[in-house]
């Protein structure tokens, strides 16, 4: 399974971003009318992430950087049978 990248902003925290990505994936899966293992795994990982993370902590960590004008990315992947989340901070690109 590949990783999932979420890009929160000051107007959409990581939890809101994850929920939106979860429902987009569910809708895409339902509309496809066929079994798509990649989407199934994506939905499973996002669901586990939404059910197990401390979003208050993730929000406070990311907002600090967002307020400084930096770009924040959360990379989610499986670590054993649990979701693992890594926050990556970069300078905001121009343009």
PDB file of N, CA and C in Angstrom:
ATOM      1  N   UNK A   1       0.848  -1.195   0.000  1.00  0.00           N
ATOM      2  CA  UNK A   1       0.000   0.000   0.000  1.00  0.00           C
ATOM      3  C   UNK A   1       0.876   1.234   0.000  1.00  0.00           C
ATOM      4  N   UNK A   2       0.553   2.133  -0.872  1.00  0.00           N
ATOM      5  CA  UNK A   2       1.285   3.396  -0.899  1.00  0.00           C
ATOM      6  C   UNK A   2       0.853   4.270   0.269  1.00  0.00           C
ATOM      7  N   UNK A   3       1.502   5.373   0.428  1.00  0.00           N
ATOM      8  CA  UNK A   3       1.147   6.310   1.485  1.00  0.00           C
ATOM      9  C   UNK A   3       0.097   7.291   0.962  1.00  0.00           C
ATOM     10  N   UNK A   4      -0.537   7.973   1.887  1.00  0.00           N
ATOM     11  CA  UNK A   4      -1.518   9.013   1.564  1.00  0.00           C
ATOM     12  C   UNK A   4      -0.956  10.323   2.078  1.00  0.00           C
ATOM     13  N   UNK A   5      -1.025  11.357   1.253  1.00  0.00           N
ATOM     14  CA  UNK A   5      -0.546  12.673   1.656  1.00  0.00           C
ATOM     15  C   UNK A   5      -1.732  13.602   1.859  1.00  0.00           C
ATOM     16  N   UNK A   6      -1.755  14.260   3.004  1.00  0.00           N
ATOM     17  CA  UNK A   6      -2.800  15.228   3.328  1.00  0.00           C
ATOM     18  C   UNK A   6      -2.159  16.590   3.542  1.00  0.00           C
ATOM     19  N   UNK A   7      -2.785  17.618   2.983  1.00  0.00           N
ATOM     20  CA  UNK A   7      -2.247  18.968   3.056  1.00  0.00           C
ATOM     21  C   UNK A   7      -3.234  19.885   3.782  1.00  0.00           C
ATOM     22  N   UNK A   8      -3.103  20.017   5.106  1.00  0.00           N
ATOM     23  CA  UNK A   8      -4.000  20.914   5.836  1.00  0.00           C
ATOM     24  C   UNK A   8      -3.667  22.368   5.547  1.00  0.00           C
ATOM     25  N   UNK A   9      -4.610  23.236   5.886  1.00  0.00           N
ATOM     26  CA  UNK A   9      -4.397  24.681   5.738  1.00  0.00           C
ATOM     27  C   UNK A   9      -4.958  25.353   6.988  1.00  0.00           C
ATOM     28  N   UNK A  10      -4.872  26.654   7.037  1.00  0.00           N
ATOM     29  CA  UNK A  10      -5.443  27.366   8.182  1.00  0.00           C
ATOM     30  C   UNK A  10      -6.963  27.251   8.205  1.00  0.00           C
ATOM     31  N   UNK A  11      -7.577  27.045   7.054  1.00  0.00           N
ATOM     32  CA  UNK A  11      -9.036  26.929   7.002  1.00  0.00           C
ATOM     33  C   UNK A  11      -9.528  25.484   7.072  1.00  0.00           C
ATOM     34  N   UNK A  12      -8.642  24.504   6.839  1.00  0.00           N
ATOM     35  CA  UNK A  12      -9.015  23.086   6.904  1.00  0.00           C
ATOM     36  C   UNK A  12      -7.921  22.303   7.622  1.00  0.00           C
ATOM     37  N   UNK A  13      -8.203  21.915   8.874  1.00  0.00           N
ATOM     38  CA  UNK A  13      -7.220  21.171   9.660  1.00  0.00           C
ATOM     39  C   UNK A  13      -7.020  19.770   9.082  1.00  0.00           C
ATOM     40  N   UNK A  14      -6.081  19.049   9.641  1.00  0.00           N
ATOM     41  CA  UNK A  14      -5.759  17.710   9.132  1.00  0.00           C
ATOM     42  C   UNK A  14      -6.949  16.763   9.280  1.00  0.00           C
ATOM     43  N   UNK A  15      -7.729  16.902  10.343  1.00  0.00           N
ATOM     44  CA  UNK A  15      -8.891  16.034  10.522  1.00  0.00           C
ATOM     45  C   UNK A  15      -9.931  16.287   9.431  1.00  0.00           C
ATOM     46  N   UNK A  16     -10.228  17.540   9.160  1.00  0.00           N
ATOM     47  CA  UNK A  16     -11.185  17.894   8.109  1.00  0.00           C
ATOM     48  C   UNK A  16     -10.684  17.421   6.746  1.00  0.00           C
ATOM     49  N   UNK A  17      -9.406  17.606   6.502  1.00  0.00           N
ATOM     50  CA  UNK A  17      -8.790  17.174   5.245  1.00  0.00           C
ATOM     51  C   UNK A  17      -8.881  15.657   5.095  1.00  0.00           C
ATOM     52  N   UNK A  18      -8.632  14.916   6.171  1.00  0.00           N
ATOM     53  CA  UNK A  18      -8.705  13.453   6.140  1.00  0.00           C
ATOM     54  C   UNK A  18     -10.143  12.984   5.911  1.00  0.00           C
ATOM     55  N   UNK A  19     -11.104  13.630   6.568  1.00  0.00           N
ATOM     56  CA  UNK A  19     -12.519  13.263   6.375  1.00  0.00           C
ATOM     57  C   UNK A  19     -12.944  13.499   4.933  1.00  0.00           C
ATOM     58  N   UNK A  20     -12.535  14.625   4.374  1.00  0.00           N
ATOM     59  CA  UNK A  20     -12.876  14.932   2.980  1.00  0.00           C
ATOM     60  C   UNK A  20     -12.276  13.888   2.036  1.00  0.00           C
ATOM     61  N   UNK A  21     -11.023  13.528   2.275  1.00  0.00           N
ATOM     62  CA  UNK A  21     -10.349  12.527   1.445  1.00  0.00           C
ATOM     63  C   UNK A  21     -11.012  11.163   1.603  1.00  0.00           C
ATOM     64  N   UNK A  22     -11.421  10.824   2.823  1.00  0.00           N
ATOM     65  CA  UNK A  22     -12.111   9.564   3.086  1.00  0.00           C
ATOM     66  C   UNK A  22     -13.407   9.494   2.279  1.00  0.00           C
ATOM     67  N   UNK A  23     -14.240  10.533   2.381  1.00  0.00           N
ATOM     68  CA  UNK A  23     -15.536  10.509   1.687  1.00  0.00           C
ATOM     69  C   UNK A  23     -15.377  10.601   0.176  1.00  0.00           C
ATOM     70  N   UNK A  24     -14.376  11.327  -0.301  1.00  0.00           N
ATOM     71  CA  UNK A  24     -14.100  11.339  -1.750  1.00  0.00           C
ATOM     72  C   UNK A  24     -13.744   9.936  -2.234  1.00  0.00           C
ATOM     73  N   UNK A  25     -12.933   9.224  -1.454  1.00  0.00           N
ATOM     74  CA  UNK A  25     -12.534   7.863  -1.821  1.00  0.00           C
ATOM     75  C   UNK A  25     -13.724   6.910  -1.776  1.00  0.00           C
ATOM     76  N   UNK A  26     -14.574   7.037  -0.759  1.00  0.00           N
ATOM     77  CA  UNK A  26     -15.779   6.198  -0.657  1.00  0.00           C
ATOM     78  C   UNK A  26     -16.690   6.441  -1.855  1.00  0.00           C
ATOM     79  N   UNK A  27     -16.930   7.699  -2.171  1.00  0.00           N
ATOM     80  CA  UNK A  27     -17.792   8.038  -3.311  1.00  0.00           C
ATOM     81  C   UNK A  27     -17.213   7.513  -4.620  1.00  0.00           C
ATOM     82  N   UNK A  28     -15.919   7.670  -4.794  1.00  0.00           N
ATOM     83  CA  UNK A  28     -15.261   7.182  -6.005  1.00  0.00           C
ATOM     84  C   UNK A  28     -15.397   5.663  -6.113  1.00  0.00           C
ATOM     85  N   UNK A  29     -15.244   4.987  -4.995  1.00  0.00           N
ATOM     86  CA  UNK A  29     -15.370   3.521  -4.969  1.00  0.00           C
ATOM     87  C   UNK A  29     -16.799   3.103  -5.329  1.00  0.00           C
ATOM     88  N   UNK A  30     -17.780   3.779  -4.734  1.00  0.00           N
ATOM     89  CA  UNK A  30     -19.190   3.433  -4.988  1.00  0.00           C
ATOM     90  C   UNK A  30     -19.582   3.722  -6.435  1.00  0.00           C
ATOM     91  N   UNK A  31     -19.082   4.807  -6.981  1.00  0.00           N
ATOM     92  CA  UNK A  31     -19.416   5.189  -8.351  1.00  0.00           C
ATOM     93  C   UNK A  31     -18.749   4.297  -9.388  1.00  0.00           C
ATOM     94  N   UNK A  32     -17.639   3.680  -9.022  1.00  0.00           N
ATOM     95  CA  UNK A  32     -16.913   2.870  -9.996  1.00  0.00           C
ATOM     96  C   UNK A  32     -17.679   1.597 -10.357  1.00  0.00           C
ATOM     97  N   UNK A  33     -18.474   1.092  -9.414  1.00  0.00           N
ATOM     98  CA  UNK A  33     -19.261  -0.092  -9.696  1.00  0.00           C
ATOM     99  C   UNK A  33     -18.455  -1.372  -9.785  1.00  0.00           C
ATOM    100  N   UNK A  34     -17.192  -1.320  -9.424  1.00  0.00           N
ATOM    101  CA  UNK A  34     -16.355  -2.512  -9.457  1.00  0.00           C
ATOM    102  C   UNK A  34     -15.424  -2.513  -8.257  1.00  0.00           C
ATOM    103  N   UNK A  35     -14.873  -3.677  -7.974  1.00  0.00           N
ATOM    104  CA  UNK A  35     -13.978  -3.797  -6.831  1.00  0.00           C
ATOM    105  C   UNK A  35     -12.607  -3.221  -7.177  1.00  0.00           C
ATOM    106  N   UNK A  36     -12.215  -2.204  -6.461  1.00  0.00           N
ATOM    107  CA  UNK A  36     -10.932  -1.539  -6.675  1.00  0.00           C
ATOM    108  C   UNK A  36     -10.124  -1.676  -5.393  1.00  0.00           C
ATOM    109  N   UNK A  37      -9.147  -2.587  -5.406  1.00  0.00           N
ATOM    110  CA  UNK A  37      -8.369  -2.865  -4.194  1.00  0.00           C
ATOM    111  C   UNK A  37      -7.599  -1.645  -3.695  1.00  0.00           C
ATOM    112  N   UNK A  38      -7.111  -0.835  -4.609  1.00  0.00           N
ATOM    113  CA  UNK A  38      -6.355   0.354  -4.205  1.00  0.00           C
ATOM    114  C   UNK A  38      -7.252   1.299  -3.400  1.00  0.00           C
ATOM    115  N   UNK A  39      -8.470   1.506  -3.897  1.00  0.00           N
ATOM    116  CA  UNK A  39      -9.401   2.377  -3.181  1.00  0.00           C
ATOM    117  C   UNK A  39      -9.843   1.744  -1.859  1.00  0.00           C
ATOM    118  N   UNK A  40     -10.035   0.442  -1.841  1.00  0.00           N
ATOM    119  CA  UNK A  40     -10.404  -0.241  -0.596  1.00  0.00           C
ATOM    120  C   UNK A  40      -9.333  -0.036   0.473  1.00  0.00           C
ATOM    121  N   UNK A  41      -8.080  -0.195   0.089  1.00  0.00           N
ATOM    122  CA  UNK A  41      -6.970  -0.013   1.030  1.00  0.00           C
ATOM    123  C   UNK A  41      -6.870   1.440   1.493  1.00  0.00           C
ATOM    124  N   UNK A  42      -7.091   2.359   0.585  1.00  0.00           N
ATOM    125  CA  UNK A  42      -7.062   3.789   0.904  1.00  0.00           C
ATOM    126  C   UNK A  42      -8.142   4.127   1.937  1.00  0.00           C
ATOM    127  N   UNK A  43      -9.353   3.624   1.697  1.00  0.00           N
ATOM    128  CA  UNK A  43     -10.473   3.856   2.605  1.00  0.00           C
ATOM    129  C   UNK A  43     -10.174   3.250   3.978  1.00  0.00           C
ATOM    130  N   UNK A  44      -9.639   2.043   3.993  1.00  0.00           N
ATOM    131  CA  UNK A  44      -9.312   1.355   5.236  1.00  0.00           C
ATOM    132  C   UNK A  44      -8.268   2.143   6.040  1.00  0.00           C
ATOM    133  N   UNK A  45      -7.234   2.637   5.366  1.00  0.00           N
ATOM    134  CA  UNK A  45      -6.186   3.408   6.043  1.00  0.00           C
ATOM    135  C   UNK A  45      -6.727   4.736   6.574  1.00  0.00           C
ATOM    136  N   UNK A  46      -7.495   5.447   5.771  1.00  0.00           N
ATOM    137  CA  UNK A  46      -8.069   6.721   6.221  1.00  0.00           C
ATOM    138  C   UNK A  46      -9.014   6.527   7.401  1.00  0.00           C
ATOM    139  N   UNK A  47      -9.814   5.467   7.355  1.00  0.00           N
ATOM    140  CA  UNK A  47     -10.741   5.168   8.457  1.00  0.00           C
ATOM    141  C   UNK A  47      -9.953   4.905   9.741  1.00  0.00           C
ATOM    142  N   UNK A  48      -8.921   4.085   9.666  1.00  0.00           N
ATOM    143  CA  UNK A  48      -8.098   3.788  10.842  1.00  0.00           C
ATOM    144  C   UNK A  48      -7.423   5.055  11.360  1.00  0.00           C
ATOM    145  N   UNK A  49      -6.951   5.894  10.463  1.00  0.00           N
ATOM    146  CA  UNK A  49      -6.314   7.158  10.840  1.00  0.00           C
ATOM    147  C   UNK A  49      -7.311   8.055  11.584  1.00  0.00           C
ATOM    148  N   UNK A  50      -8.518   8.191  11.026  1.00  0.00           N
ATOM    149  CA  UNK A  50      -9.539   9.042  11.638  1.00  0.00           C
ATOM    150  C   UNK A  50      -9.973   8.520  13.009  1.00  0.00           C
ATOM    151  N   UNK A  51      -9.949   7.226  13.192  1.00  0.00           N
ATOM    152  CA  UNK A  51     -10.398   6.635  14.450  1.00  0.00           C
ATOM    153  C   UNK A  51      -9.323   6.622  15.536  1.00  0.00           C
ATOM    154  N   UNK A  52      -8.060   6.785  15.174  1.00  0.00           N
ATOM    155  CA  UNK A  52      -7.012   6.550  16.163  1.00  0.00           C
ATOM    156  C   UNK A  52      -6.102   7.738  16.483  1.00  0.00           C
ATOM    157  N   UNK A  53      -6.142   8.798  15.692  1.00  0.00           N
ATOM    158  CA  UNK A  53      -5.191   9.895  15.904  1.00  0.00           C
ATOM    159  C   UNK A  53      -5.693  10.915  16.934  1.00  0.00           C
ATOM    160  N   UNK A  54      -4.742  11.577  17.548  1.00  0.00           N
ATOM    161  CA  UNK A  54      -5.020  12.679  18.471  1.00  0.00           C
ATOM    162  C   UNK A  54      -4.996  13.963  17.637  1.00  0.00           C
ATOM    163  N   UNK A  55      -6.166  14.341  17.136  1.00  0.00           N
ATOM    164  CA  UNK A  55      -6.222  15.469  16.203  1.00  0.00           C
ATOM    165  C   UNK A  55      -5.957  16.812  16.880  1.00  0.00           C
ATOM    166  N   UNK A  56      -6.264  16.923  18.147  1.00  0.00           N
ATOM    167  CA  UNK A  56      -5.943  18.161  18.859  1.00  0.00           C
ATOM    168  C   UNK A  56      -4.433  18.390  18.834  1.00  0.00           C
ATOM    169  N   UNK A  57      -3.681  17.328  19.077  1.00  0.00           N
ATOM    170  CA  UNK A  57      -2.212  17.409  19.068  1.00  0.00           C
ATOM    171  C   UNK A  57      -1.689  17.705  17.657  1.00  0.00           C
ATOM    172  N   UNK A  58      -2.212  16.984  16.658  1.00  0.00           N
ATOM    173  CA  UNK A  58      -1.763  17.207  15.275  1.00  0.00           C
ATOM    174  C   UNK A  58      -2.085  18.628  14.812  1.00  0.00           C
ATOM    175  N   UNK A  59      -3.255  19.128  15.186  1.00  0.00           N
ATOM    176  CA  UNK A  59      -3.654  20.481  14.814  1.00  0.00           C
ATOM    177  C   UNK A  59      -2.708  21.511  15.415  1.00  0.00           C
ATOM    178  N   UNK A  60      -2.406  21.362  16.699  1.00  0.00           N
ATOM    179  CA  UNK A  60      -1.528  22.352  17.340  1.00  0.00           C
ATOM    180  C   UNK A  60      -0.124  22.311  16.751  1.00  0.00           C
ATOM    181  N   UNK A  61       0.355  21.113  16.401  1.00  0.00           N
ATOM    182  CA  UNK A  61       1.680  20.998  15.784  1.00  0.00           C
ATOM    183  C   UNK A  61       1.707  21.670  14.412  1.00  0.00           C
ATOM    184  N   UNK A  62       0.691  21.434  13.606  1.00  0.00           N
ATOM    185  CA  UNK A  62       0.705  21.946  12.237  1.00  0.00           C
ATOM    186  C   UNK A  62       0.363  23.429  12.151  1.00  0.00           C
ATOM    187  N   UNK A  63      -0.554  23.913  12.991  1.00  0.00           N
ATOM    188  CA  UNK A  63      -0.970  25.315  12.917  1.00  0.00           C
ATOM    189  C   UNK A  63       0.188  26.264  13.154  1.00  0.00           C
ATOM    190  N   UNK A  64       1.093  25.877  14.016  1.00  0.00           N
ATOM    191  CA  UNK A  64       2.259  26.725  14.299  1.00  0.00           C
ATOM    192  C   UNK A  64       3.026  27.030  13.012  1.00  0.00           C
ATOM    193  N   UNK A  65       3.235  26.009  12.204  1.00  0.00           N
ATOM    194  CA  UNK A  65       3.974  26.183  10.946  1.00  0.00           C
ATOM    195  C   UNK A  65       3.128  26.898   9.887  1.00  0.00           C
ATOM    196  N   UNK A  66       1.844  26.577   9.848  1.00  0.00           N
ATOM    197  CA  UNK A  66       0.970  27.229   8.875  1.00  0.00           C
ATOM    198  C   UNK A  66       0.899  28.733   9.126  1.00  0.00           C
ATOM    199  N   UNK A  67       0.867  29.120  10.390  1.00  0.00           N
ATOM    200  CA  UNK A  67       0.842  30.550  10.728  1.00  0.00           C
ATOM    201  C   UNK A  67       2.131  31.258  10.315  1.00  0.00           C
ATOM    202  N   UNK A  68       3.223  30.507  10.217  1.00  0.00           N
ATOM    203  CA  UNK A  68       4.498  31.071   9.761  1.00  0.00           C
ATOM    204  C   UNK A  68       4.577  31.101   8.236  1.00  0.00           C
ATOM    205  N   UNK A  69       3.525  30.642   7.557  1.00  0.00           N
ATOM    206  CA  UNK A  69       3.517  30.647   6.096  1.00  0.00           C
ATOM    207  C   UNK A  69       4.188  29.435   5.472  1.00  0.00           C
ATOM    208  N   UNK A  70       4.417  28.404   6.266  1.00  0.00           N
ATOM    209  CA  UNK A  70       5.062  27.202   5.740  1.00  0.00           C
ATOM    210  C   UNK A  70       4.013  26.206   5.251  1.00  0.00           C
ATOM    211  N   UNK A  71       4.464  25.276   4.445  1.00  0.00           N
ATOM    212  CA  UNK A  71       3.592  24.244   3.896  1.00  0.00           C
ATOM    213  C   UNK A  71       3.719  22.995   4.763  1.00  0.00           C
ATOM    214  N   UNK A  72       2.588  22.431   5.158  1.00  0.00           N
ATOM    215  CA  UNK A  72       2.572  21.243   6.012  1.00  0.00           C
ATOM    216  C   UNK A  72       1.931  20.091   5.247  1.00  0.00           C
ATOM    217  N   UNK A  73       2.565  18.940   5.369  1.00  0.00           N
ATOM    218  CA  UNK A  73       2.041  17.730   4.735  1.00  0.00           C
ATOM    219  C   UNK A  73       2.078  16.619   5.769  1.00  0.00           C
ATOM    220  N   UNK A  74       0.981  15.873   5.873  1.00  0.00           N
ATOM    221  CA  UNK A  74       0.956  14.675   6.701  1.00  0.00           C
ATOM    222  C   UNK A  74       1.000  13.471   5.777  1.00  0.00           C
ATOM    223  N   UNK A  75       1.944  12.577   6.031  1.00  0.00           N
ATOM    224  CA  UNK A  75       2.077  11.346   5.248  1.00  0.00           C
ATOM    225  C   UNK A  75       1.602  10.204   6.133  1.00  0.00           C
ATOM    226  N   UNK A  76       0.590   9.491   5.636  1.00  0.00           N
ATOM    227  CA  UNK A  76      -0.010   8.396   6.406  1.00  0.00           C
ATOM    228  C   UNK A  76       0.307   7.088   5.704  1.00  0.00           C
ATOM    229  N   UNK A  77       0.711   6.102   6.489  1.00  0.00           N
ATOM    230  CA  UNK A  77       0.970   4.759   5.943  1.00  0.00           C
ATOM    231  C   UNK A  77       0.769   3.762   7.071  1.00  0.00           C
ATOM    232  N   UNK A  78       0.680   2.517   6.712  1.00  0.00           N
ATOM    233  CA  UNK A  78       0.554   1.460   7.712  1.00  0.00           C
ATOM    234  C   UNK A  78       1.908   1.187   8.354  1.00  0.00           C
ATOM    235  N   UNK A  79       1.895   0.976   9.649  1.00  0.00           N
ATOM    236  CA  UNK A  79       3.053   0.471  10.376  1.00  0.00           C
ATOM    237  C   UNK A  79       2.517  -0.733  11.152  1.00  0.00           C
ATOM    238  N   UNK A  80       2.745  -1.904  10.596  1.00  0.00           N
ATOM    239  CA  UNK A  80       2.112  -3.100  11.126  1.00  0.00           C
ATOM    240  C   UNK A  80       0.628  -3.030  10.820  1.00  0.00           C
ATOM    241  N   UNK A  81      -0.199  -3.098  11.848  1.00  0.00           N
ATOM    242  CA  UNK A  81      -1.643  -3.015  11.633  1.00  0.00           C
ATOM    243  C   UNK A  81      -2.229  -1.692  12.119  1.00  0.00           C
ATOM    244  N   UNK A  82      -1.351  -0.696  12.349  1.00  0.00           N
ATOM    245  CA  UNK A  82      -1.807   0.616  12.807  1.00  0.00           C
ATOM    246  C   UNK A  82      -1.347   1.705  11.841  1.00  0.00           C
ATOM    247  N   UNK A  83      -2.159   2.767  11.719  1.00  0.00           N
ATOM    248  CA  UNK A  83      -1.728   3.874  10.858  1.00  0.00           C
ATOM    249  C   UNK A  83      -0.605   4.659  11.528  1.00  0.00           C
ATOM    250  N   UNK A  84       0.346   5.067  10.726  1.00  0.00           N
ATOM    251  CA  UNK A  84       1.466   5.890  11.191  1.00  0.00           C
ATOM    252  C   UNK A  84       1.387   7.211  10.454  1.00  0.00           C
ATOM    253  N   UNK A  85       1.629   8.287  11.162  1.00  0.00           N
ATOM    254  CA  UNK A  85       1.507   9.622  10.585  1.00  0.00           C
ATOM    255  C   UNK A  85       2.812  10.378  10.785  1.00  0.00           C
ATOM    256  N   UNK A  86       3.303  10.959   9.705  1.00  0.00           N
ATOM    257  CA  UNK A  86       4.527  11.762   9.770  1.00  0.00           C
ATOM    258  C   UNK A  86       4.216  13.151   9.224  1.00  0.00           C
ATOM    259  N   UNK A  87       4.619  14.184   9.952  1.00  0.00           N
ATOM    260  CA  UNK A  87       4.404  15.551   9.498  1.00  0.00           C
ATOM    261  C   UNK A  87       5.676  16.054   8.831  1.00  0.00           C
ATOM    262  N   UNK A  88       5.534  16.614   7.628  1.00  0.00           N
ATOM    263  CA  UNK A  88       6.660  17.169   6.877  1.00  0.00           C
ATOM    264  C   UNK A  88       6.382  18.659   6.665  1.00  0.00           C
ATOM    265  N   UNK A  89       7.329  19.483   7.023  1.00  0.00           N
ATOM    266  CA  UNK A  89       7.182  20.930   6.894  1.00  0.00           C
ATOM    267  C   UNK A  89       8.194  21.451   5.899  1.00  0.00           C
ATOM    268  N   UNK A  90       7.723  22.263   4.926  1.00  0.00           N
ATOM    269  CA  UNK A  90       8.621  22.862   3.953  1.00  0.00           C
ATOM    270  C   UNK A  90       8.289  24.346   3.828  1.00  0.00           C
ATOM    271  N   UNK A  91       9.232  25.090   3.288  1.00  0.00           N
ATOM    272  CA  UNK A  91       8.974  26.500   3.007  1.00  0.00           C
ATOM    273  C   UNK A  91       7.914  26.587   1.917  1.00  0.00           C
ATOM    274  N   UNK A  92       7.015  27.536   2.031  1.00  0.00           N
ATOM    275  CA  UNK A  92       5.981  27.733   1.001  1.00  0.00           C
ATOM    276  C   UNK A  92       6.640  28.122  -0.312  1.00  0.00           C
ATOM    277  N   UNK A  93       6.293  27.407  -1.356  1.00  0.00           N
ATOM    278  CA  UNK A  93       6.895  27.728  -2.663  1.00  0.00           C
ATOM    279  C   UNK A  93       6.256  28.970  -3.252  1.00  0.00           C
ATOM    280  N   UNK A  94       7.040  29.741  -3.976  1.00  0.00           N
ATOM    281  CA  UNK A  94       6.525  30.963  -4.609  1.00  0.00           C
ATOM    282  C   UNK A  94       5.742  30.600  -5.856  1.00  0.00           C
ATOM    283  N   UNK A  95       4.727  31.426  -6.128  1.00  0.00           N
ATOM    284  CA  UNK A  95       3.993  31.260  -7.371  1.00  0.00           C
ATOM    285  C   UNK A  95       2.751  30.538  -7.153  1.00  0.00           C
TER     286      UNK A  95
END
